[in-house]
């Protein structure tokens, strides 16, 4: 059975803000960022268990080429991946994850 994927509204906001920031720096860079995110989300959906736990609940998947990580919960019993945040490495993930 394939895993399903959901993206929290806060993670969508994270993505939109990062896209706008990169796109303002260089035309097309925001789109490249989103392509890297999409590739990582595809891998997370296929094999979520390969990503390390960050605390008791969240897993972390680093993004290639960009200093960002996707924080998600894998609900194994439901075959579901729930993306909670997409954060820059400089952001405080512990505090940010508490404010899902």
Protein backbone atom coordinates (compact mmCIF):
# COMPACT_ATOMS: atom_id res chain seq x y z
CA UNK A 1 0.00 0.00 0.00
CA UNK A 2 1.33 3.43 -0.98
CA UNK A 3 1.73 6.16 1.61
CA UNK A 4 -0.47 9.23 1.41
CA UNK A 5 0.83 12.75 1.97
CA UNK A 6 -0.62 15.87 3.56
CA UNK A 7 0.99 19.28 3.99
CA UNK A 8 0.03 21.46 6.95
CA UNK A 9 -0.98 25.05 6.23
CA UNK A 10 2.08 26.30 8.15
CA UNK A 11 4.37 24.22 5.90
CA UNK A 12 2.64 25.69 2.83
CA UNK A 13 3.37 29.17 4.23
CA UNK A 14 7.00 28.17 4.82
CA UNK A 15 7.28 27.06 1.18
CA UNK A 16 5.62 30.18 -0.20
CA UNK A 17 7.91 32.47 1.83
CA UNK A 18 11.06 30.58 0.80
CA UNK A 19 9.97 30.54 -2.84
CA UNK A 20 9.41 34.31 -2.81
CA UNK A 21 12.76 34.94 -1.13
CA UNK A 22 14.70 32.84 -3.66
CA UNK A 23 12.77 34.19 -6.62
CA UNK A 24 13.53 37.77 -5.50
CA UNK A 25 17.26 36.91 -5.48
CA UNK A 26 17.34 35.35 -8.93
CA UNK A 27 14.59 34.64 -11.45
CA UNK A 28 13.97 30.90 -11.59
CA UNK A 29 15.75 30.09 -8.33
CA UNK A 30 12.45 29.83 -6.47
CA UNK A 31 11.26 27.29 -9.03
CA UNK A 32 14.48 25.29 -8.59
CA UNK A 33 13.86 25.33 -4.83
CA UNK A 34 10.35 23.94 -5.38
CA UNK A 35 11.70 21.23 -7.71
CA UNK A 36 14.12 20.13 -4.98
CA UNK A 37 11.28 20.12 -2.44
CA UNK A 38 9.08 18.06 -4.75
CA UNK A 39 11.85 15.51 -5.33
CA UNK A 40 12.39 15.13 -1.58
CA UNK A 41 8.63 14.84 -0.93
CA UNK A 42 8.44 12.05 -3.50
CA UNK A 43 11.19 10.16 -1.67
CA UNK A 44 9.61 10.82 1.73
CA UNK A 45 6.29 9.46 0.48
CA UNK A 46 7.92 6.32 -0.93
CA UNK A 47 10.23 5.46 1.99
CA UNK A 48 9.65 7.72 5.03
CA UNK A 49 11.45 5.40 7.43
CA UNK A 50 14.88 6.16 5.90
CA UNK A 51 14.85 9.65 7.42
CA UNK A 52 16.10 10.05 10.96
CA UNK A 53 13.90 10.92 13.89
CA UNK A 54 14.26 14.40 15.33
CA UNK A 55 12.74 13.95 18.75
CA UNK A 56 10.07 11.42 19.57
CA UNK A 57 7.71 12.27 16.71
CA UNK A 58 9.19 14.26 13.82
CA UNK A 59 11.52 13.08 11.11
CA UNK A 60 13.87 15.35 9.20
CA UNK A 61 14.64 15.27 5.47
CA UNK A 62 17.34 17.66 4.26
CA UNK A 63 16.88 19.34 0.90
CA UNK A 64 19.57 18.99 -1.75
CA UNK A 65 21.24 22.27 -2.77
CA UNK A 66 19.28 24.47 -0.33
CA UNK A 67 19.77 24.93 3.44
CA UNK A 68 16.27 23.68 4.29
CA UNK A 69 14.72 20.60 5.83
CA UNK A 70 11.27 19.09 5.73
CA UNK A 71 9.92 18.07 9.13
CA UNK A 72 7.27 15.41 8.96
CA UNK A 73 5.46 12.73 10.93
CA UNK A 74 5.12 9.23 9.52
CA UNK A 75 1.94 7.61 10.72
CA UNK A 76 2.93 4.04 9.90
CA UNK A 77 -0.35 2.44 10.95
CA UNK A 78 -2.24 4.72 8.55
CA UNK A 79 0.42 4.72 5.81
CA UNK A 80 0.38 8.51 5.97
CA UNK A 81 3.07 11.19 5.87
CA UNK A 82 2.13 14.54 7.44
CA UNK A 83 4.47 17.41 6.59
CA UNK A 84 4.49 19.87 9.49
CA UNK A 85 7.14 22.49 8.56
CA UNK A 86 9.75 23.36 5.94
CA UNK A 87 12.46 25.26 7.77
CA UNK A 88 15.77 26.95 6.99
CA UNK A 89 18.63 25.46 9.01
CA UNK A 90 19.03 28.78 10.87
CA UNK A 91 15.47 28.58 12.23
CA UNK A 92 14.86 27.07 15.66
CA UNK A 93 13.17 23.81 14.72
CA UNK A 94 12.27 22.87 18.29
CA UNK A 95 10.33 26.09 18.84
CA UNK A 96 8.91 26.10 15.32
CA UNK A 97 7.60 22.54 15.55
CA UNK A 98 5.81 23.35 18.78
CA UNK A 99 3.85 26.00 16.86
CA UNK A 100 2.59 23.58 14.20
